[in-house]
């Protein structure tokens, strides 16, 4: 519950959950920019028991509010 909630807050799209050898496996697509600091948060949420792996999935257009923020920072107006 806490882990899936955190992934949702990071704009993640859950693809599925599986059980493997008594462990819960969560598959999700999350923007890379939202994943900084995730391992620390995951370890805190799971009391140090969880691990994670990441691999590139695809490029996707960013939401307009995030694009505008990045452009402002690049122009030095932030």
PDB file of N, CA and C in Angstrom:
ATOM      1  N   UNK A   1       0.806  -1.191   0.000  1.00  0.00           N
ATOM      2  CA  UNK A   1       0.000   0.000   0.000  1.00  0.00           C
ATOM      3  C   UNK A   1       0.852   1.259   0.000  1.00  0.00           C
ATOM      4  N   UNK A   2       1.810   1.354   0.927  1.00  0.00           N
ATOM      5  CA  UNK A   2       2.652   2.553   1.000  1.00  0.00           C
ATOM      6  C   UNK A   2       3.520   2.690  -0.240  1.00  0.00           C
ATOM      7  N   UNK A   3       4.038   1.586  -0.730  1.00  0.00           N
ATOM      8  CA  UNK A   3       4.928   1.622  -1.902  1.00  0.00           C
ATOM      9  C   UNK A   3       4.141   2.022  -3.141  1.00  0.00           C
ATOM     10  N   UNK A   4       2.981   1.426  -3.357  1.00  0.00           N
ATOM     11  CA  UNK A   4       2.176   1.786  -4.528  1.00  0.00           C
ATOM     12  C   UNK A   4       1.699   3.232  -4.438  1.00  0.00           C
ATOM     13  N   UNK A   5       1.375   3.692  -3.241  1.00  0.00           N
ATOM     14  CA  UNK A   5       0.996   5.092  -3.064  1.00  0.00           C
ATOM     15  C   UNK A   5       2.129   6.030  -3.422  1.00  0.00           C
ATOM     16  N   UNK A   6       3.347   5.682  -3.027  1.00  0.00           N
ATOM     17  CA  UNK A   6       4.510   6.500  -3.358  1.00  0.00           C
ATOM     18  C   UNK A   6       4.747   6.520  -4.866  1.00  0.00           C
ATOM     19  N   UNK A   7       4.584   5.388  -5.523  1.00  0.00           N
ATOM     20  CA  UNK A   7       4.755   5.346  -6.983  1.00  0.00           C
ATOM     21  C   UNK A   7       3.700   6.204  -7.671  1.00  0.00           C
ATOM     22  N   UNK A   8       2.475   6.194  -7.170  1.00  0.00           N
ATOM     23  CA  UNK A   8       1.427   7.044  -7.739  1.00  0.00           C
ATOM     24  C   UNK A   8       1.762   8.519  -7.572  1.00  0.00           C
ATOM     25  N   UNK A   9       2.282   8.906  -6.410  1.00  0.00           N
ATOM     26  CA  UNK A   9       2.677  10.301  -6.179  1.00  0.00           C
ATOM     27  C   UNK A   9       3.793  10.728  -7.123  1.00  0.00           C
ATOM     28  N   UNK A  10       4.575   9.773  -7.580  1.00  0.00           N
ATOM     29  CA  UNK A  10       5.673  10.062  -8.511  1.00  0.00           C
ATOM     30  C   UNK A  10       5.218   9.964  -9.966  1.00  0.00           C
ATOM     31  N   UNK A  11       3.954  10.060 -10.213  1.00  0.00           N
ATOM     32  CA  UNK A  11       3.354   9.977 -11.556  1.00  0.00           C
ATOM     33  C   UNK A  11       3.565   8.608 -12.202  1.00  0.00           C
ATOM     34  N   UNK A  12       3.636   7.565 -11.387  1.00  0.00           N
ATOM     35  CA  UNK A  12       3.838   6.215 -11.897  1.00  0.00           C
ATOM     36  C   UNK A  12       2.543   5.571 -12.365  1.00  0.00           C
ATOM     37  N   UNK A  13       2.662   4.724 -13.371  1.00  0.00           N
ATOM     38  CA  UNK A  13       1.538   3.938 -13.859  1.00  0.00           C
ATOM     39  C   UNK A  13       1.807   2.482 -13.509  1.00  0.00           C
ATOM     40  N   UNK A  14       1.032   1.949 -12.572  1.00  0.00           N
ATOM     41  CA  UNK A  14       1.227   0.562 -12.156  1.00  0.00           C
ATOM     42  C   UNK A  14       0.783  -0.365 -13.268  1.00  0.00           C
ATOM     43  N   UNK A  15       1.626  -1.344 -13.595  1.00  0.00           N
ATOM     44  CA  UNK A  15       1.319  -2.308 -14.645  1.00  0.00           C
ATOM     45  C   UNK A  15       0.870  -3.643 -14.068  1.00  0.00           C
ATOM     46  N   UNK A  16       1.275  -3.936 -12.848  1.00  0.00           N
ATOM     47  CA  UNK A  16       0.858  -5.196 -12.263  1.00  0.00           C
ATOM     48  C   UNK A  16       1.618  -5.525 -10.996  1.00  0.00           C
ATOM     49  N   UNK A  17       1.055  -6.484 -10.270  1.00  0.00           N
ATOM     50  CA  UNK A  17       1.687  -6.973  -9.049  1.00  0.00           C
ATOM     51  C   UNK A  17       1.679  -8.496  -9.100  1.00  0.00           C
ATOM     52  N   UNK A  18       2.804  -9.093  -8.754  1.00  0.00           N
ATOM     53  CA  UNK A  18       2.941 -10.544  -8.763  1.00  0.00           C
ATOM     54  C   UNK A  18       3.507 -11.002  -7.431  1.00  0.00           C
ATOM     55  N   UNK A  19       3.303 -12.266  -7.133  1.00  0.00           N
ATOM     56  CA  UNK A  19       3.892 -12.901  -5.963  1.00  0.00           C
ATOM     57  C   UNK A  19       4.948 -13.882  -6.456  1.00  0.00           C
ATOM     58  N   UNK A  20       6.157 -13.784  -5.930  1.00  0.00           N
ATOM     59  CA  UNK A  20       7.221 -14.682  -6.362  1.00  0.00           C
ATOM     60  C   UNK A  20       8.021 -15.096  -5.132  1.00  0.00           C
ATOM     61  N   UNK A  21       7.977 -16.347  -4.796  1.00  0.00           N
ATOM     62  CA  UNK A  21       8.711 -16.893  -3.647  1.00  0.00           C
ATOM     63  C   UNK A  21       8.421 -16.104  -2.370  1.00  0.00           C
ATOM     64  N   UNK A  22       7.159 -15.754  -2.178  1.00  0.00           N
ATOM     65  CA  UNK A  22       6.753 -15.037  -0.976  1.00  0.00           C
ATOM     66  C   UNK A  22       7.020 -13.545  -1.006  1.00  0.00           C
ATOM     67  N   UNK A  23       7.573 -13.052  -2.101  1.00  0.00           N
ATOM     68  CA  UNK A  23       7.857 -11.618  -2.224  1.00  0.00           C
ATOM     69  C   UNK A  23       6.847 -10.981  -3.172  1.00  0.00           C
ATOM     70  N   UNK A  24       6.514  -9.746  -2.906  1.00  0.00           N
ATOM     71  CA  UNK A  24       5.594  -8.994  -3.754  1.00  0.00           C
ATOM     72  C   UNK A  24       6.409  -8.247  -4.813  1.00  0.00           C
ATOM     73  N   UNK A  25       6.081  -8.449  -6.089  1.00  0.00           N
ATOM     74  CA  UNK A  25       6.764  -7.793  -7.198  1.00  0.00           C
ATOM     75  C   UNK A  25       5.801  -6.765  -7.776  1.00  0.00           C
ATOM     76  N   UNK A  26       6.226  -5.502  -7.836  1.00  0.00           N
ATOM     77  CA  UNK A  26       5.400  -4.438  -8.393  1.00  0.00           C
ATOM     78  C   UNK A  26       6.063  -3.962  -9.675  1.00  0.00           C
ATOM     79  N   UNK A  27       5.304  -3.953 -10.771  1.00  0.00           N
ATOM     80  CA  UNK A  27       5.801  -3.456 -12.054  1.00  0.00           C
ATOM     81  C   UNK A  27       5.104  -2.133 -12.345  1.00  0.00           C
ATOM     82  N   UNK A  28       5.885  -1.100 -12.655  1.00  0.00           N
ATOM     83  CA  UNK A  28       5.312   0.214 -12.921  1.00  0.00           C
ATOM     84  C   UNK A  28       6.213   1.008 -13.861  1.00  0.00           C
ATOM     85  N   UNK A  29       5.609   1.921 -14.595  1.00  0.00           N
ATOM     86  CA  UNK A  29       6.338   2.886 -15.407  1.00  0.00           C
ATOM     87  C   UNK A  29       6.290   4.214 -14.670  1.00  0.00           C
ATOM     88  N   UNK A  30       7.475   4.762 -14.374  1.00  0.00           N
ATOM     89  CA  UNK A  30       7.578   6.024 -13.644  1.00  0.00           C
ATOM     90  C   UNK A  30       8.590   6.895 -14.383  1.00  0.00           C
ATOM     91  N   UNK A  31       8.284   8.185 -14.568  1.00  0.00           N
ATOM     92  CA  UNK A  31       9.257   9.073 -15.218  1.00  0.00           C
ATOM     93  C   UNK A  31      10.584   9.092 -14.446  1.00  0.00           C
ATOM     94  N   UNK A  32      11.679   9.058 -15.186  1.00  0.00           N
ATOM     95  CA  UNK A  32      12.998   9.036 -14.558  1.00  0.00           C
ATOM     96  C   UNK A  32      13.203  10.224 -13.626  1.00  0.00           C
ATOM     97  N   UNK A  33      12.710  11.391 -14.008  1.00  0.00           N
ATOM     98  CA  UNK A  33      12.891  12.585 -13.180  1.00  0.00           C
ATOM     99  C   UNK A  33      12.239  12.441 -11.808  1.00  0.00           C
ATOM    100  N   UNK A  34      11.279  11.560 -11.681  1.00  0.00           N
ATOM    101  CA  UNK A  34      10.593  11.335 -10.406  1.00  0.00           C
ATOM    102  C   UNK A  34      11.274  10.264  -9.553  1.00  0.00           C
ATOM    103  N   UNK A  35      12.266   9.588 -10.112  1.00  0.00           N
ATOM    104  CA  UNK A  35      12.875   8.461  -9.412  1.00  0.00           C
ATOM    105  C   UNK A  35      14.096   8.826  -8.571  1.00  0.00           C
ATOM    106  N   UNK A  36      14.551  10.073  -8.633  1.00  0.00           N
ATOM    107  CA  UNK A  36      15.698  10.465  -7.826  1.00  0.00           C
ATOM    108  C   UNK A  36      15.325  10.392  -6.351  1.00  0.00           C
ATOM    109  N   UNK A  37      16.115   9.691  -5.577  1.00  0.00           N
ATOM    110  CA  UNK A  37      15.844   9.506  -4.154  1.00  0.00           C
ATOM    111  C   UNK A  37      14.886   8.377  -3.854  1.00  0.00           C
ATOM    112  N   UNK A  38      14.433   7.650  -4.883  1.00  0.00           N
ATOM    113  CA  UNK A  38      13.430   6.615  -4.668  1.00  0.00           C
ATOM    114  C   UNK A  38      13.947   5.456  -3.819  1.00  0.00           C
ATOM    115  N   UNK A  39      15.161   5.019  -4.037  1.00  0.00           N
ATOM    116  CA  UNK A  39      15.680   3.854  -3.306  1.00  0.00           C
ATOM    117  C   UNK A  39      15.675   4.124  -1.805  1.00  0.00           C
ATOM    118  N   UNK A  40      16.065   5.324  -1.415  1.00  0.00           N
ATOM    119  CA  UNK A  40      16.055   5.682   0.010  1.00  0.00           C
ATOM    120  C   UNK A  40      14.638   5.638   0.557  1.00  0.00           C
ATOM    121  N   UNK A  41      13.693   6.209  -0.186  1.00  0.00           N
ATOM    122  CA  UNK A  41      12.291   6.202   0.239  1.00  0.00           C
ATOM    123  C   UNK A  41      11.757   4.779   0.317  1.00  0.00           C
ATOM    124  N   UNK A  42      12.081   3.963  -0.679  1.00  0.00           N
ATOM    125  CA  UNK A  42      11.620   2.576  -0.704  1.00  0.00           C
ATOM    126  C   UNK A  42      12.131   1.802   0.498  1.00  0.00           C
ATOM    127  N   UNK A  43      13.395   1.965   0.811  1.00  0.00           N
ATOM    128  CA  UNK A  43      13.970   1.263   1.972  1.00  0.00           C
ATOM    129  C   UNK A  43      13.297   1.727   3.259  1.00  0.00           C
ATOM    130  N   UNK A  44      12.978   3.016   3.350  1.00  0.00           N
ATOM    131  CA  UNK A  44      12.289   3.530   4.535  1.00  0.00           C
ATOM    132  C   UNK A  44      10.889   2.951   4.634  1.00  0.00           C
ATOM    133  N   UNK A  45      10.147   2.952   3.530  1.00  0.00           N
ATOM    134  CA  UNK A  45       8.776   2.445   3.535  1.00  0.00           C
ATOM    135  C   UNK A  45       8.706   0.954   3.856  1.00  0.00           C
ATOM    136  N   UNK A  46       9.754   0.219   3.476  1.00  0.00           N
ATOM    137  CA  UNK A  46       9.742  -1.235   3.660  1.00  0.00           C
ATOM    138  C   UNK A  46      10.595  -1.693   4.839  1.00  0.00           C
ATOM    139  N   UNK A  47      11.001  -0.774   5.678  1.00  0.00           N
ATOM    140  CA  UNK A  47      11.881  -1.079   6.817  1.00  0.00           C
ATOM    141  C   UNK A  47      13.165  -1.781   6.371  1.00  0.00           C
ATOM    142  N   UNK A  48      13.685  -1.376   5.219  1.00  0.00           N
ATOM    143  CA  UNK A  48      14.951  -1.896   4.723  1.00  0.00           C
ATOM    144  C   UNK A  48      14.886  -3.224   4.008  1.00  0.00           C
ATOM    145  N   UNK A  49      13.688  -3.748   3.743  1.00  0.00           N
ATOM    146  CA  UNK A  49      13.580  -5.077   3.131  1.00  0.00           C
ATOM    147  C   UNK A  49      13.468  -5.067   1.612  1.00  0.00           C
ATOM    148  N   UNK A  50      12.992  -3.972   1.032  1.00  0.00           N
ATOM    149  CA  UNK A  50      12.710  -3.954  -0.409  1.00  0.00           C
ATOM    150  C   UNK A  50      13.945  -3.575  -1.220  1.00  0.00           C
ATOM    151  N   UNK A  51      13.946  -4.020  -2.459  1.00  0.00           N
ATOM    152  CA  UNK A  51      14.955  -3.631  -3.435  1.00  0.00           C
ATOM    153  C   UNK A  51      14.231  -3.167  -4.693  1.00  0.00           C
ATOM    154  N   UNK A  52      14.960  -2.524  -5.581  1.00  0.00           N
ATOM    155  CA  UNK A  52      14.329  -2.085  -6.826  1.00  0.00           C
ATOM    156  C   UNK A  52      15.299  -2.241  -7.982  1.00  0.00           C
ATOM    157  N   UNK A  53      14.742  -2.331  -9.169  1.00  0.00           N
ATOM    158  CA  UNK A  53      15.529  -2.317 -10.395  1.00  0.00           C
ATOM    159  C   UNK A  53      14.834  -1.362 -11.355  1.00  0.00           C
ATOM    160  N   UNK A  54      15.618  -0.734 -12.227  1.00  0.00           N
ATOM    161  CA  UNK A  54      15.065   0.173 -13.228  1.00  0.00           C
ATOM    162  C   UNK A  54      15.653  -0.177 -14.577  1.00  0.00           C
ATOM    163  N   UNK A  55      14.840  -0.021 -15.596  1.00  0.00           N
ATOM    164  CA  UNK A  55      15.330  -0.142 -16.962  1.00  0.00           C
ATOM    165  C   UNK A  55      14.541   0.809 -17.837  1.00  0.00           C
ATOM    166  N   UNK A  56      15.193   1.314 -18.875  1.00  0.00           N
ATOM    167  CA  UNK A  56      14.537   2.250 -19.785  1.00  0.00           C
ATOM    168  C   UNK A  56      13.367   1.572 -20.473  1.00  0.00           C
ATOM    169  N   UNK A  57      12.259   2.291 -20.575  1.00  0.00           N
ATOM    170  CA  UNK A  57      11.082   1.762 -21.249  1.00  0.00           C
ATOM    171  C   UNK A  57      10.798   2.526 -22.542  1.00  0.00           C
ATOM    172  N   UNK A  58      10.577   3.828 -22.431  1.00  0.00           N
ATOM    173  CA  UNK A  58      10.225   4.612 -23.616  1.00  0.00           C
ATOM    174  C   UNK A  58      10.299   6.110 -23.310  1.00  0.00           C
ATOM    175  N   UNK A  59      10.302   6.895 -24.366  1.00  0.00           N
ATOM    176  CA  UNK A  59      10.192   8.342 -24.240  1.00  0.00           C
ATOM    177  C   UNK A  59       8.712   8.704 -24.305  1.00  0.00           C
ATOM    178  N   UNK A  60       8.350   9.784 -23.637  1.00  0.00           N
ATOM    179  CA  UNK A  60       6.966  10.241 -23.682  1.00  0.00           C
ATOM    180  C   UNK A  60       6.956  11.750 -23.473  1.00  0.00           C
ATOM    181  N   UNK A  61       5.993  12.424 -24.063  1.00  0.00           N
ATOM    182  CA  UNK A  61       5.879  13.868 -23.908  1.00  0.00           C
ATOM    183  C   UNK A  61       5.520  14.192 -22.459  1.00  0.00           C
ATOM    184  N   UNK A  62       6.133  15.256 -21.930  1.00  0.00           N
ATOM    185  CA  UNK A  62       5.859  15.640 -20.545  1.00  0.00           C
ATOM    186  C   UNK A  62       4.574  16.464 -20.472  1.00  0.00           C
ATOM    187  N   UNK A  63       3.930  16.452 -19.307  1.00  0.00           N
ATOM    188  CA  UNK A  63       2.765  17.334 -19.122  1.00  0.00           C
ATOM    189  C   UNK A  63       3.195  18.797 -19.283  1.00  0.00           C
ATOM    190  N   UNK A  64       2.302  19.648 -19.754  1.00  0.00           N
ATOM    191  CA  UNK A  64       2.653  21.031 -20.080  1.00  0.00           C
ATOM    192  C   UNK A  64       3.173  21.805 -18.875  1.00  0.00           C
ATOM    193  N   UNK A  65       2.625  21.579 -17.687  1.00  0.00           N
ATOM    194  CA  UNK A  65       3.102  22.325 -16.515  1.00  0.00           C
ATOM    195  C   UNK A  65       4.562  21.995 -16.191  1.00  0.00           C
ATOM    196  N   UNK A  66       4.956  20.769 -16.400  1.00  0.00           N
ATOM    197  CA  UNK A  66       6.345  20.371 -16.152  1.00  0.00           C
ATOM    198  C   UNK A  66       7.252  20.904 -17.259  1.00  0.00           C
ATOM    199  N   UNK A  67       6.792  20.865 -18.498  1.00  0.00           N
ATOM    200  CA  UNK A  67       7.570  21.414 -19.612  1.00  0.00           C
ATOM    201  C   UNK A  67       7.841  22.897 -19.399  1.00  0.00           C
ATOM    202  N   UNK A  68       6.820  23.644 -18.973  1.00  0.00           N
ATOM    203  CA  UNK A  68       6.979  25.082 -18.737  1.00  0.00           C
ATOM    204  C   UNK A  68       7.997  25.345 -17.633  1.00  0.00           C
ATOM    205  N   UNK A  69       7.981  24.540 -16.588  1.00  0.00           N
ATOM    206  CA  UNK A  69       8.930  24.697 -15.486  1.00  0.00           C
ATOM    207  C   UNK A  69      10.364  24.463 -15.951  1.00  0.00           C
ATOM    208  N   UNK A  70      10.565  23.431 -16.753  1.00  0.00           N
ATOM    209  CA  UNK A  70      11.907  23.117 -17.269  1.00  0.00           C
ATOM    210  C   UNK A  70      12.401  24.248 -18.178  1.00  0.00           C
ATOM    211  N   UNK A  71      11.524  24.778 -19.015  1.00  0.00           N
ATOM    212  CA  UNK A  71      11.898  25.863 -19.927  1.00  0.00           C
ATOM    213  C   UNK A  71      12.265  27.121 -19.138  1.00  0.00           C
ATOM    214  N   UNK A  72      11.494  27.439 -18.098  1.00  0.00           N
ATOM    215  CA  UNK A  72      11.817  28.607 -17.257  1.00  0.00           C
ATOM    216  C   UNK A  72      13.179  28.462 -16.610  1.00  0.00           C
ATOM    217  N   UNK A  73      13.475  27.274 -16.092  1.00  0.00           N
ATOM    218  CA  UNK A  73      14.773  27.041 -15.464  1.00  0.00           C
ATOM    219  C   UNK A  73      15.910  27.170 -16.484  1.00  0.00           C
ATOM    220  N   UNK A  74      15.682  26.666 -17.683  1.00  0.00           N
ATOM    221  CA  UNK A  74      16.715  26.725 -18.719  1.00  0.00           C
ATOM    222  C   UNK A  74      16.990  28.169 -19.146  1.00  0.00           C
ATOM    223  N   UNK A  75      15.959  29.012 -19.111  1.00  0.00           N
ATOM    224  CA  UNK A  75      16.115  30.421 -19.490  1.00  0.00           C
ATOM    225  C   UNK A  75      16.628  31.261 -18.326  1.00  0.00           C
ATOM    226  N   UNK A  76      16.675  30.690 -17.141  1.00  0.00           N
ATOM    227  CA  UNK A  76      17.166  31.418 -15.976  1.00  0.00           C
ATOM    228  C   UNK A  76      16.118  32.271 -15.300  1.00  0.00           C
ATOM    229  N   UNK A  77      14.843  31.984 -15.536  1.00  0.00           N
ATOM    230  CA  UNK A  77      13.755  32.760 -14.945  1.00  0.00           C
ATOM    231  C   UNK A  77      13.150  32.108 -13.716  1.00  0.00           C
ATOM    232  N   UNK A  78      13.799  31.101 -13.177  1.00  0.00           N
ATOM    233  CA  UNK A  78      13.181  30.365 -12.073  1.00  0.00           C
ATOM    234  C   UNK A  78      13.514  30.951 -10.737  1.00  0.00           C
TER     235      UNK A  78
END
